[in-house]
Structure formats: structure tokens, C-alpha cells
ModelCIF file with pLDDT and N, C-alpha, C, O atoms, coordinates in Angstrom:
data_MODEL
#
_entry.id   MODEL 
#
_entity.id                         1 
_entity.type                       polymer 
_entity.pdbx_number_of_molecules   1 
#
_entity_poly.entity_id                      1 
_entity_poly.type                           'polypeptide(L)' 
_entity_poly.nstd_linkage                   no 
_entity_poly.nstd_monomer                   no 
_entity_poly.pdbx_seq_one_letter_code       
;(UNK)(UNK)(UNK)(UNK)(UNK)(UNK)(UNK)(UNK)(UNK)(UNK)(UNK)(UNK)(UNK)(UNK)(UNK)(UNK)
(UNK)(UNK)(UNK)(UNK)(UNK)(UNK)(UNK)(UNK)(UNK)(UNK)(UNK)(UNK)(UNK)(UNK)(UNK)(UNK)
(UNK)(UNK)(UNK)(UNK)(UNK)(UNK)(UNK)(UNK)(UNK)(UNK)(UNK)(UNK)(UNK)(UNK)
;
_entity_poly.pdbx_seq_one_letter_code_can   XXXXXXXXXXXXXXXXXXXXXXXXXXXXXXXXXXXXXXXXXXXXXX 
_entity_poly.pdbx_strand_id                 A 
#
loop_
_entity_poly_seq.entity_id 
_entity_poly_seq.num 
_entity_poly_seq.mon_id 
_entity_poly_seq.hetero 
1 1  UNK n 
1 2  UNK n 
1 3  UNK n 
1 4  UNK n 
1 5  UNK n 
1 6  UNK n 
1 7  UNK n 
1 8  UNK n 
1 9  UNK n 
1 10 UNK n 
1 11 UNK n 
1 12 UNK n 
1 13 UNK n 
1 14 UNK n 
1 15 UNK n 
1 16 UNK n 
1 17 UNK n 
1 18 UNK n 
1 19 UNK n 
1 20 UNK n 
1 21 UNK n 
1 22 UNK n 
1 23 UNK n 
1 24 UNK n 
1 25 UNK n 
1 26 UNK n 
1 27 UNK n 
1 28 UNK n 
1 29 UNK n 
1 30 UNK n 
1 31 UNK n 
1 32 UNK n 
1 33 UNK n 
1 34 UNK n 
1 35 UNK n 
1 36 UNK n 
1 37 UNK n 
1 38 UNK n 
1 39 UNK n 
1 40 UNK n 
1 41 UNK n 
1 42 UNK n 
1 43 UNK n 
1 44 UNK n 
1 45 UNK n 
1 46 UNK n 
#
_struct_asym.id          A 
_struct_asym.entity_id   1 
#
loop_
_ma_qa_metric.id 
_ma_qa_metric.mode 
_ma_qa_metric.name 
_ma_qa_metric.software_group_id 
_ma_qa_metric.type 
1 global pLDDT . pLDDT 
2 local  pLDDT . pLDDT 
#
_ma_qa_metric_global.metric_id      1 
_ma_qa_metric_global.metric_value   92.65 
_ma_qa_metric_global.model_id       1 
_ma_qa_metric_global.ordinal_id     1 
#
loop_
_ma_qa_metric_local.label_asym_id 
_ma_qa_metric_local.label_comp_id 
_ma_qa_metric_local.label_seq_id 
_ma_qa_metric_local.metric_id 
_ma_qa_metric_local.metric_value 
_ma_qa_metric_local.model_id 
_ma_qa_metric_local.ordinal_id 
A UNK 1  2 97.00 1 1  
A UNK 2  2 96.00 1 2  
A UNK 3  2 95.00 1 3  
A UNK 4  2 95.00 1 4  
A UNK 5  2 95.00 1 5  
A UNK 6  2 95.00 1 6  
A UNK 7  2 95.00 1 7  
A UNK 8  2 95.00 1 8  
A UNK 9  2 95.00 1 9  
A UNK 10 2 97.00 1 10 
A UNK 11 2 96.00 1 11 
A UNK 12 2 97.00 1 12 
A UNK 13 2 96.00 1 13 
A UNK 14 2 96.00 1 14 
A UNK 15 2 96.00 1 15 
A UNK 16 2 97.00 1 16 
A UNK 17 2 95.00 1 17 
A UNK 18 2 96.00 1 18 
A UNK 19 2 94.00 1 19 
A UNK 20 2 92.00 1 20 
A UNK 21 2 93.00 1 21 
A UNK 22 2 95.00 1 22 
A UNK 23 2 92.00 1 23 
A UNK 24 2 93.00 1 24 
A UNK 25 2 92.00 1 25 
A UNK 26 2 92.00 1 26 
A UNK 27 2 93.00 1 27 
A UNK 28 2 94.00 1 28 
A UNK 29 2 95.00 1 29 
A UNK 30 2 94.00 1 30 
A UNK 31 2 96.00 1 31 
A UNK 32 2 97.00 1 32 
A UNK 33 2 98.00 1 33 
A UNK 34 2 98.00 1 34 
A UNK 35 2 98.00 1 35 
A UNK 36 2 97.00 1 36 
A UNK 37 2 95.00 1 37 
A UNK 38 2 91.00 1 38 
A UNK 39 2 73.00 1 39 
A UNK 40 2 70.00 1 40 
A UNK 41 2 70.00 1 41 
A UNK 42 2 73.00 1 42 
A UNK 43 2 82.00 1 43 
A UNK 44 2 91.00 1 44 
A UNK 45 2 94.00 1 45 
A UNK 46 2 96.00 1 46 
#
loop_
_atom_site.group_PDB 
_atom_site.id 
_atom_site.type_symbol 
_atom_site.label_atom_id 
_atom_site.label_alt_id 
_atom_site.label_comp_id 
_atom_site.label_asym_id 
_atom_site.label_entity_id 
_atom_site.label_seq_id 
_atom_site.pdbx_PDB_ins_code 
_atom_site.Cartn_x 
_atom_site.Cartn_y 
_atom_site.Cartn_z 
_atom_site.occupancy 
_atom_site.B_iso_or_equiv 
_atom_site.pdbx_formal_charge 
_atom_site.auth_seq_id 
_atom_site.auth_comp_id 
_atom_site.auth_asym_id 
_atom_site.auth_atom_id 
_atom_site.pdbx_PDB_model_num 
ATOM 1   N N  . UNK A 1 1  ? -5.932 8.276   -0.731  1.00 97.00 ? 1  UNK A N  1 
ATOM 2   C CA . UNK A 1 1  ? -4.627 8.886   -0.966  1.00 97.00 ? 1  UNK A CA 1 
ATOM 3   C C  . UNK A 1 1  ? -4.142 8.546   -2.366  1.00 97.00 ? 1  UNK A C  1 
ATOM 4   O O  . UNK A 1 1  ? -4.466 7.490   -2.909  1.00 97.00 ? 1  UNK A O  1 
ATOM 5   N N  . UNK A 1 2  ? -3.362 9.454   -2.948  1.00 96.00 ? 2  UNK A N  1 
ATOM 6   C CA . UNK A 1 2  ? -2.807 9.213   -4.279  1.00 96.00 ? 2  UNK A CA 1 
ATOM 7   C C  . UNK A 1 2  ? -1.450 9.889   -4.402  1.00 96.00 ? 2  UNK A C  1 
ATOM 8   O O  . UNK A 1 2  ? -1.250 10.990  -3.891  1.00 96.00 ? 2  UNK A O  1 
ATOM 9   N N  . UNK A 1 3  ? -0.524 9.229   -5.079  1.00 95.00 ? 3  UNK A N  1 
ATOM 10  C CA . UNK A 1 3  ? 0.666  9.897   -5.588  1.00 95.00 ? 3  UNK A CA 1 
ATOM 11  C C  . UNK A 1 3  ? 0.867  9.435   -7.027  1.00 95.00 ? 3  UNK A C  1 
ATOM 12  O O  . UNK A 1 3  ? 0.652  8.266   -7.347  1.00 95.00 ? 3  UNK A O  1 
ATOM 13  N N  . UNK A 1 4  ? 1.282  10.361  -7.893  1.00 95.00 ? 4  UNK A N  1 
ATOM 14  C CA . UNK A 1 4  ? 1.264  10.119  -9.332  1.00 95.00 ? 4  UNK A CA 1 
ATOM 15  C C  . UNK A 1 4  ? 2.571  9.560   -9.871  1.00 95.00 ? 4  UNK A C  1 
ATOM 16  O O  . UNK A 1 4  ? 2.674  9.270   -11.063 1.00 95.00 ? 4  UNK A O  1 
ATOM 17  N N  . UNK A 1 5  ? 3.563  9.405   -9.019  1.00 95.00 ? 5  UNK A N  1 
ATOM 18  C CA . UNK A 1 5  ? 4.828  8.780   -9.411  1.00 95.00 ? 5  UNK A CA 1 
ATOM 19  C C  . UNK A 1 5  ? 5.495  8.246   -8.158  1.00 95.00 ? 5  UNK A C  1 
ATOM 20  O O  . UNK A 1 5  ? 4.883  8.216   -7.090  1.00 95.00 ? 5  UNK A O  1 
ATOM 21  N N  . UNK A 1 6  ? 6.750  7.823   -8.281  1.00 95.00 ? 6  UNK A N  1 
ATOM 22  C CA . UNK A 1 6  ? 7.489  7.249   -7.163  1.00 95.00 ? 6  UNK A CA 1 
ATOM 23  C C  . UNK A 1 6  ? 6.810  5.994   -6.630  1.00 95.00 ? 6  UNK A C  1 
ATOM 24  O O  . UNK A 1 6  ? 6.790  5.750   -5.424  1.00 95.00 ? 6  UNK A O  1 
ATOM 25  N N  . UNK A 1 7  ? 6.257  5.204   -7.541  1.00 95.00 ? 7  UNK A N  1 
ATOM 26  C CA . UNK A 1 7  ? 5.655  3.928   -7.177  1.00 95.00 ? 7  UNK A CA 1 
ATOM 27  C C  . UNK A 1 7  ? 5.848  2.956   -8.322  1.00 95.00 ? 7  UNK A C  1 
ATOM 28  O O  . UNK A 1 7  ? 5.803  3.342   -9.490  1.00 95.00 ? 7  UNK A O  1 
ATOM 29  N N  . UNK A 1 8  ? 6.062  1.707   -7.989  1.00 95.00 ? 8  UNK A N  1 
ATOM 30  C CA . UNK A 1 8  ? 6.212  0.677   -9.009  1.00 95.00 ? 8  UNK A CA 1 
ATOM 31  C C  . UNK A 1 8  ? 5.865  -0.691  -8.448  1.00 95.00 ? 8  UNK A C  1 
ATOM 32  O O  . UNK A 1 8  ? 5.550  -0.836  -7.267  1.00 95.00 ? 8  UNK A O  1 
ATOM 33  N N  . UNK A 1 9  ? 5.929  -1.695  -9.319  1.00 95.00 ? 9  UNK A N  1 
ATOM 34  C CA . UNK A 1 9  ? 5.695  -3.078  -8.901  1.00 95.00 ? 9  UNK A CA 1 
ATOM 35  C C  . UNK A 1 9  ? 6.438  -3.983  -9.874  1.00 95.00 ? 9  UNK A C  1 
ATOM 36  O O  . UNK A 1 9  ? 6.002  -4.190  -11.006 1.00 95.00 ? 9  UNK A O  1 
ATOM 37  N N  . UNK A 1 10 ? 7.570  -4.521  -9.415  1.00 97.00 ? 10 UNK A N  1 
ATOM 38  C CA . UNK A 1 10 ? 8.453  -5.304  -10.269 1.00 97.00 ? 10 UNK A CA 1 
ATOM 39  C C  . UNK A 1 10 ? 8.948  -6.541  -9.529  1.00 97.00 ? 10 UNK A C  1 
ATOM 40  O O  . UNK A 1 10 ? 8.898  -6.607  -8.301  1.00 97.00 ? 10 UNK A O  1 
ATOM 41  N N  . UNK A 1 11 ? 9.421  -7.509  -10.285 1.00 96.00 ? 11 UNK A N  1 
ATOM 42  C CA . UNK A 1 11 ? 10.047 -8.689  -9.704  1.00 96.00 ? 11 UNK A CA 1 
ATOM 43  C C  . UNK A 1 11 ? 9.095  -9.638  -9.030  1.00 96.00 ? 11 UNK A C  1 
ATOM 44  O O  . UNK A 1 11 ? 9.515  -10.441 -8.196  1.00 96.00 ? 11 UNK A O  1 
ATOM 45  N N  . UNK A 1 12 ? 7.817  -9.573  -9.368  1.00 97.00 ? 12 UNK A N  1 
ATOM 46  C CA . UNK A 1 12 ? 6.839  -10.442 -8.713  1.00 97.00 ? 12 UNK A CA 1 
ATOM 47  C C  . UNK A 1 12 ? 6.812  -11.822 -9.374  1.00 97.00 ? 12 UNK A C  1 
ATOM 48  O O  . UNK A 1 12 ? 7.312  -12.000 -10.484 1.00 97.00 ? 12 UNK A O  1 
ATOM 49  N N  . UNK A 1 13 ? 6.223  -12.790 -8.678  1.00 96.00 ? 13 UNK A N  1 
ATOM 50  C CA . UNK A 1 13 ? 6.128  -14.171 -9.169  1.00 96.00 ? 13 UNK A CA 1 
ATOM 51  C C  . UNK A 1 13 ? 5.264  -14.222 -10.426 1.00 96.00 ? 13 UNK A C  1 
ATOM 52  O O  . UNK A 1 13 ? 4.220  -13.574 -10.512 1.00 96.00 ? 13 UNK A O  1 
ATOM 53  N N  . UNK A 1 14 ? 5.722  -15.006 -11.395 1.00 96.00 ? 14 UNK A N  1 
ATOM 54  C CA . UNK A 1 14 ? 5.001  -15.114 -12.665 1.00 96.00 ? 14 UNK A CA 1 
ATOM 55  C C  . UNK A 1 14 ? 4.808  -16.580 -13.035 1.00 96.00 ? 14 UNK A C  1 
ATOM 56  O O  . UNK A 1 14 ? 5.674  -17.416 -12.778 1.00 96.00 ? 14 UNK A O  1 
ATOM 57  N N  . UNK A 1 15 ? 3.666  -16.880 -13.639 1.00 96.00 ? 15 UNK A N  1 
ATOM 58  C CA . UNK A 1 15 ? 3.428  -18.198 -14.239 1.00 96.00 ? 15 UNK A CA 1 
ATOM 59  C C  . UNK A 1 15 ? 2.571  -18.018 -15.486 1.00 96.00 ? 15 UNK A C  1 
ATOM 60  O O  . UNK A 1 15 ? 2.445  -16.905 -15.997 1.00 96.00 ? 15 UNK A O  1 
ATOM 61  N N  . UNK A 1 16 ? 1.983  -19.101 -15.978 1.00 97.00 ? 16 UNK A N  1 
ATOM 62  C CA . UNK A 1 16 ? 1.247  -19.028 -17.235 1.00 97.00 ? 16 UNK A CA 1 
ATOM 63  C C  . UNK A 1 16 ? -0.015 -18.163 -17.149 1.00 97.00 ? 16 UNK A C  1 
ATOM 64  O O  . UNK A 1 16 ? -0.589 -17.814 -18.180 1.00 97.00 ? 16 UNK A O  1 
ATOM 65  N N  . UNK A 1 17 ? -0.455 -17.813 -15.937 1.00 95.00 ? 17 UNK A N  1 
ATOM 66  C CA . UNK A 1 17 ? -1.652 -16.998 -15.770 1.00 95.00 ? 17 UNK A CA 1 
ATOM 67  C C  . UNK A 1 17 ? -1.327 -15.518 -15.569 1.00 95.00 ? 17 UNK A C  1 
ATOM 68  O O  . UNK A 1 17 ? -2.235 -14.701 -15.414 1.00 95.00 ? 17 UNK A O  1 
ATOM 69  N N  . UNK A 1 18 ? -0.069 -15.175 -15.572 1.00 96.00 ? 18 UNK A N  1 
ATOM 70  C CA . UNK A 1 18 ? 0.339  -13.790 -15.310 1.00 96.00 ? 18 UNK A CA 1 
ATOM 71  C C  . UNK A 1 18 ? 0.248  -12.962 -16.581 1.00 96.00 ? 18 UNK A C  1 
ATOM 72  O O  . UNK A 1 18 ? 0.873  -13.290 -17.590 1.00 96.00 ? 18 UNK A O  1 
ATOM 73  N N  . UNK A 1 19 ? -0.524 -11.896 -16.530 1.00 94.00 ? 19 UNK A N  1 
ATOM 74  C CA . UNK A 1 19 ? -0.618 -10.957 -17.650 1.00 94.00 ? 19 UNK A CA 1 
ATOM 75  C C  . UNK A 1 19 ? -0.199 -9.547  -17.253 1.00 94.00 ? 19 UNK A C  1 
ATOM 76  O O  . UNK A 1 19 ? -0.021 -8.682  -18.111 1.00 94.00 ? 19 UNK A O  1 
ATOM 77  N N  . UNK A 1 20 ? -0.041 -9.316  -15.953 1.00 92.00 ? 20 UNK A N  1 
ATOM 78  C CA . UNK A 1 20 ? 0.296  -7.977  -15.465 1.00 92.00 ? 20 UNK A CA 1 
ATOM 79  C C  . UNK A 1 20 ? 1.729  -7.621  -15.840 1.00 92.00 ? 20 UNK A C  1 
ATOM 80  O O  . UNK A 1 20 ? 2.644  -8.381  -15.524 1.00 92.00 ? 20 UNK A O  1 
ATOM 81  N N  . UNK A 1 21 ? 1.950  -6.496  -16.501 1.00 93.00 ? 21 UNK A N  1 
ATOM 82  C CA . UNK A 1 21 ? 3.323  -6.090  -16.822 1.00 93.00 ? 21 UNK A CA 1 
ATOM 83  C C  . UNK A 1 21 ? 4.014  -5.468  -15.613 1.00 93.00 ? 21 UNK A C  1 
ATOM 84  O O  . UNK A 1 21 ? 3.368  -4.917  -14.722 1.00 93.00 ? 21 UNK A O  1 
ATOM 85  N N  . UNK A 1 22 ? 5.331  -5.568  -15.603 1.00 95.00 ? 22 UNK A N  1 
ATOM 86  C CA . UNK A 1 22 ? 6.087  -4.891  -14.554 1.00 95.00 ? 22 UNK A CA 1 
ATOM 87  C C  . UNK A 1 22 ? 6.068  -3.384  -14.801 1.00 95.00 ? 22 UNK A C  1 
ATOM 88  O O  . UNK A 1 22 ? 6.104  -2.920  -15.941 1.00 95.00 ? 22 UNK A O  1 
ATOM 89  N N  . UNK A 1 23 ? 6.009  -2.640  -13.708 1.00 92.00 ? 23 UNK A N  1 
ATOM 90  C CA . UNK A 1 23 ? 5.984  -1.182  -13.826 1.00 92.00 ? 23 UNK A CA 1 
ATOM 91  C C  . UNK A 1 23 ? 6.936  -0.576  -12.803 1.00 92.00 ? 23 UNK A C  1 
ATOM 92  O O  . UNK A 1 23 ? 6.961  -0.978  -11.640 1.00 92.00 ? 23 UNK A O  1 
ATOM 93  N N  . UNK A 1 24 ? 7.705  0.385   -13.253 1.00 93.00 ? 24 UNK A N  1 
ATOM 94  C CA . UNK A 1 24 ? 8.607  1.087   -12.334 1.00 93.00 ? 24 UNK A CA 1 
ATOM 95  C C  . UNK A 1 24 ? 8.143  2.519   -12.080 1.00 93.00 ? 24 UNK A C  1 
ATOM 96  O O  . UNK A 1 24 ? 8.718  3.230   -11.255 1.00 93.00 ? 24 UNK A O  1 
ATOM 97  N N  . UNK A 1 25 ? 7.095  2.937   -12.799 1.00 92.00 ? 25 UNK A N  1 
ATOM 98  C CA . UNK A 1 25 ? 6.550  4.279   -12.584 1.00 92.00 ? 25 UNK A CA 1 
ATOM 99  C C  . UNK A 1 25 ? 5.044  4.206   -12.811 1.00 92.00 ? 25 UNK A C  1 
ATOM 100 O O  . UNK A 1 25 ? 4.587  4.099   -13.949 1.00 92.00 ? 25 UNK A O  1 
ATOM 101 N N  . UNK A 1 26 ? 4.291  4.263   -11.749 1.00 92.00 ? 26 UNK A N  1 
ATOM 102 C CA . UNK A 1 26 ? 2.842  4.146   -11.839 1.00 92.00 ? 26 UNK A CA 1 
ATOM 103 C C  . UNK A 1 26 ? 2.184  5.064   -10.819 1.00 92.00 ? 26 UNK A C  1 
ATOM 104 O O  . UNK A 1 26 ? 2.842  5.597   -9.926  1.00 92.00 ? 26 UNK A O  1 
ATOM 105 N N  . UNK A 1 27 ? 0.896  5.238   -10.964 1.00 93.00 ? 27 UNK A N  1 
ATOM 106 C CA . UNK A 1 27 ? 0.108  5.937   -9.944  1.00 93.00 ? 27 UNK A CA 1 
ATOM 107 C C  . UNK A 1 27 ? -0.169 4.968   -8.794  1.00 93.00 ? 27 UNK A C  1 
ATOM 108 O O  . UNK A 1 27 ? -0.568 3.825   -9.016  1.00 93.00 ? 27 UNK A O  1 
ATOM 109 N N  . UNK A 1 28 ? 0.044  5.433   -7.579  1.00 94.00 ? 28 UNK A N  1 
ATOM 110 C CA . UNK A 1 28 ? -0.330 4.652   -6.402  1.00 94.00 ? 28 UNK A CA 1 
ATOM 111 C C  . UNK A 1 28 ? -1.514 5.355   -5.749  1.00 94.00 ? 28 UNK A C  1 
ATOM 112 O O  . UNK A 1 28 ? -1.390 6.471   -5.246  1.00 94.00 ? 28 UNK A O  1 
ATOM 113 N N  . UNK A 1 29 ? -2.644 4.694   -5.765  1.00 95.00 ? 29 UNK A N  1 
ATOM 114 C CA . UNK A 1 29 ? -3.863 5.278   -5.194  1.00 95.00 ? 29 UNK A CA 1 
ATOM 115 C C  . UNK A 1 29 ? -4.553 4.218   -4.359  1.00 95.00 ? 29 UNK A C  1 
ATOM 116 O O  . UNK A 1 29 ? -4.672 3.069   -4.785  1.00 95.00 ? 29 UNK A O  1 
ATOM 117 N N  . UNK A 1 30 ? -5.000 4.587   -3.195  1.00 94.00 ? 30 UNK A N  1 
ATOM 118 C CA . UNK A 1 30 ? -5.663 3.608   -2.344  1.00 94.00 ? 30 UNK A CA 1 
ATOM 119 C C  . UNK A 1 30 ? -6.548 4.254   -1.305  1.00 94.00 ? 30 UNK A C  1 
ATOM 120 O O  . UNK A 1 30 ? -6.381 5.421   -0.948  1.00 94.00 ? 30 UNK A O  1 
ATOM 121 N N  . UNK A 1 31 ? -7.500 3.464   -0.826  1.00 96.00 ? 31 UNK A N  1 
ATOM 122 C CA . UNK A 1 31 ? -8.368 3.876   0.269   1.00 96.00 ? 31 UNK A CA 1 
ATOM 123 C C  . UNK A 1 31 ? -7.903 3.170   1.527   1.00 96.00 ? 31 UNK A C  1 
ATOM 124 O O  . UNK A 1 31 ? -7.837 1.942   1.569   1.00 96.00 ? 31 UNK A O  1 
ATOM 125 N N  . UNK A 1 32 ? -7.584 3.937   2.541   1.00 97.00 ? 32 UNK A N  1 
ATOM 126 C CA . UNK A 1 32 ? -6.897 3.402   3.716   1.00 97.00 ? 32 UNK A CA 1 
ATOM 127 C C  . UNK A 1 32 ? -7.827 3.280   4.913   1.00 97.00 ? 32 UNK A C  1 
ATOM 128 O O  . UNK A 1 32 ? -8.650 4.154   5.186   1.00 97.00 ? 32 UNK A O  1 
ATOM 129 N N  . UNK A 1 33 ? -7.665 2.159   5.621   1.00 98.00 ? 33 UNK A N  1 
ATOM 130 C CA . UNK A 1 33 ? -8.292 1.919   6.919   1.00 98.00 ? 33 UNK A CA 1 
ATOM 131 C C  . UNK A 1 33 ? -7.171 1.658   7.911   1.00 98.00 ? 33 UNK A C  1 
ATOM 132 O O  . UNK A 1 33 ? -6.298 0.825   7.665   1.00 98.00 ? 33 UNK A O  1 
ATOM 133 N N  . UNK A 1 34 ? -7.196 2.365   9.023   1.00 98.00 ? 34 UNK A N  1 
ATOM 134 C CA . UNK A 1 34 ? -6.144 2.199   10.030  1.00 98.00 ? 34 UNK A CA 1 
ATOM 135 C C  . UNK A 1 34 ? -6.778 2.183   11.421  1.00 98.00 ? 34 UNK A C  1 
ATOM 136 O O  . UNK A 1 34 ? -7.579 3.053   11.763  1.00 98.00 ? 34 UNK A O  1 
ATOM 137 N N  . UNK A 1 35 ? -6.409 1.188   12.207  1.00 98.00 ? 35 UNK A N  1 
ATOM 138 C CA . UNK A 1 35 ? -6.953 1.040   13.555  1.00 98.00 ? 35 UNK A CA 1 
ATOM 139 C C  . UNK A 1 35 ? -5.823 0.665   14.493  1.00 98.00 ? 35 UNK A C  1 
ATOM 140 O O  . UNK A 1 35 ? -5.003 -0.194  14.169  1.00 98.00 ? 35 UNK A O  1 
ATOM 141 N N  . UNK A 1 36 ? -5.771 1.302   15.654  1.00 97.00 ? 36 UNK A N  1 
ATOM 142 C CA . UNK A 1 36 ? -4.696 1.017   16.597  1.00 97.00 ? 36 UNK A CA 1 
ATOM 143 C C  . UNK A 1 36 ? -5.239 0.842   18.018  1.00 97.00 ? 36 UNK A C  1 
ATOM 144 O O  . UNK A 1 36 ? -6.329 1.301   18.358  1.00 97.00 ? 36 UNK A O  1 
ATOM 145 N N  . UNK A 1 37 ? -4.433 0.163   18.826  1.00 95.00 ? 37 UNK A N  1 
ATOM 146 C CA . UNK A 1 37 ? -4.792 -0.106  20.214  1.00 95.00 ? 37 UNK A CA 1 
ATOM 147 C C  . UNK A 1 37 ? -3.850 0.643   21.139  1.00 95.00 ? 37 UNK A C  1 
ATOM 148 O O  . UNK A 1 37 ? -2.646 0.725   20.897  1.00 95.00 ? 37 UNK A O  1 
ATOM 149 N N  . UNK A 1 38 ? -4.426 1.192   22.212  1.00 91.00 ? 38 UNK A N  1 
ATOM 150 C CA . UNK A 1 38 ? -3.623 1.898   23.208  1.00 91.00 ? 38 UNK A CA 1 
ATOM 151 C C  . UNK A 1 38 ? -3.136 0.981   24.323  1.00 91.00 ? 38 UNK A C  1 
ATOM 152 O O  . UNK A 1 38 ? -2.365 1.415   25.179  1.00 91.00 ? 38 UNK A O  1 
ATOM 153 N N  . UNK A 1 39 ? -3.573 -0.287  24.332  1.00 73.00 ? 39 UNK A N  1 
ATOM 154 C CA . UNK A 1 39 ? -3.216 -1.137  25.453  1.00 73.00 ? 39 UNK A CA 1 
ATOM 155 C C  . UNK A 1 39 ? -3.935 -0.654  26.702  1.00 73.00 ? 39 UNK A C  1 
ATOM 156 O O  . UNK A 1 39 ? -5.133 -0.373  26.664  1.00 73.00 ? 39 UNK A O  1 
ATOM 157 N N  . UNK A 1 40 ? -3.215 -0.557  27.797  1.00 70.00 ? 40 UNK A N  1 
ATOM 158 C CA . UNK A 1 40 ? -3.824 -0.063  29.037  1.00 70.00 ? 40 UNK A CA 1 
ATOM 159 C C  . UNK A 1 40 ? -4.217 1.393   28.878  1.00 70.00 ? 40 UNK A C  1 
ATOM 160 O O  . UNK A 1 40 ? -3.395 2.232   28.508  1.00 70.00 ? 40 UNK A O  1 
ATOM 161 N N  . UNK A 1 41 ? -5.472 1.687   29.159  1.00 70.00 ? 41 UNK A N  1 
ATOM 162 C CA . UNK A 1 41 ? -5.995 3.034   28.948  1.00 70.00 ? 41 UNK A CA 1 
ATOM 163 C C  . UNK A 1 41 ? -5.540 3.964   30.076  1.00 70.00 ? 41 UNK A C  1 
ATOM 164 O O  . UNK A 1 41 ? -5.759 3.686   31.255  1.00 70.00 ? 41 UNK A O  1 
ATOM 165 N N  . UNK A 1 42 ? -4.909 5.062   29.691  1.00 73.00 ? 42 UNK A N  1 
ATOM 166 C CA . UNK A 1 42 ? -4.454 6.054   30.664  1.00 73.00 ? 42 UNK A CA 1 
ATOM 167 C C  . UNK A 1 42 ? -5.027 7.416   30.283  1.00 73.00 ? 42 UNK A C  1 
ATOM 168 O O  . UNK A 1 42 ? -5.853 7.521   29.376  1.00 73.00 ? 42 UNK A O  1 
ATOM 169 N N  . UNK A 1 43 ? -4.588 8.440   30.974  1.00 82.00 ? 43 UNK A N  1 
ATOM 170 C CA . UNK A 1 43 ? -5.092 9.785   30.734  1.00 82.00 ? 43 UNK A CA 1 
ATOM 171 C C  . UNK A 1 43 ? -4.345 10.380  29.540  1.00 82.00 ? 43 UNK A C  1 
ATOM 172 O O  . UNK A 1 43 ? -3.457 11.217  29.704  1.00 82.00 ? 43 UNK A O  1 
ATOM 173 N N  . UNK A 1 44 ? -4.718 9.932   28.334  1.00 91.00 ? 44 UNK A N  1 
ATOM 174 C CA . UNK A 1 44 ? -4.052 10.374  27.123  1.00 91.00 ? 44 UNK A CA 1 
ATOM 175 C C  . UNK A 1 44 ? -4.759 11.600  26.547  1.00 91.00 ? 44 UNK A C  1 
ATOM 176 O O  . UNK A 1 44 ? -5.948 11.817  26.782  1.00 91.00 ? 44 UNK A O  1 
ATOM 177 N N  . UNK A 1 45 ? -4.005 12.395  25.790  1.00 94.00 ? 45 UNK A N  1 
ATOM 178 C CA . UNK A 1 45 ? -4.592 13.448  24.973  1.00 94.00 ? 45 UNK A CA 1 
ATOM 179 C C  . UNK A 1 45 ? -4.958 12.801  23.644  1.00 94.00 ? 45 UNK A C  1 
ATOM 180 O O  . UNK A 1 45 ? -4.169 12.819  22.700  1.00 94.00 ? 45 UNK A O  1 
ATOM 181 N N  . UNK A 1 46 ? -6.153 12.230  23.575  1.00 96.00 ? 46 UNK A N  1 
ATOM 182 C CA . UNK A 1 46 ? -6.538 11.433  22.417  1.00 96.00 ? 46 UNK A CA 1 
ATOM 183 C C  . UNK A 1 46 ? -6.567 12.258  21.125  1.00 96.00 ? 46 UNK A C  1 
ATOM 184 O O  . UNK A 1 46 ? -6.875 11.725  20.059  1.00 96.00 ? 46 UNK A O  1 
#
């Protein structure tokens, strides 16, 4: 999935090893894995 705006990363913890700049407008792109449990199995329309 990707969106080319409406994403940022600001206000994060910083120390002497931090080089990442804060961003309020960036591309958000990621590969997603999603797994869910139904609990007790019934006659669902899976």
C-alpha cells in the first residue's frame, strides 16, 4: 500500500545517534501482513 501525502513522523525521541529529520509530509508505503482469529468457529460466510 502507498499514499503520497497525509503522512508524517515528528516529535520522536532524539539523542546523539539520531540523524533522521522530522517530516510532516512524506510518502507512506508499506507491505502489510494481517491475521485474525474467529474464536469459536461457527457457520460464517468466510
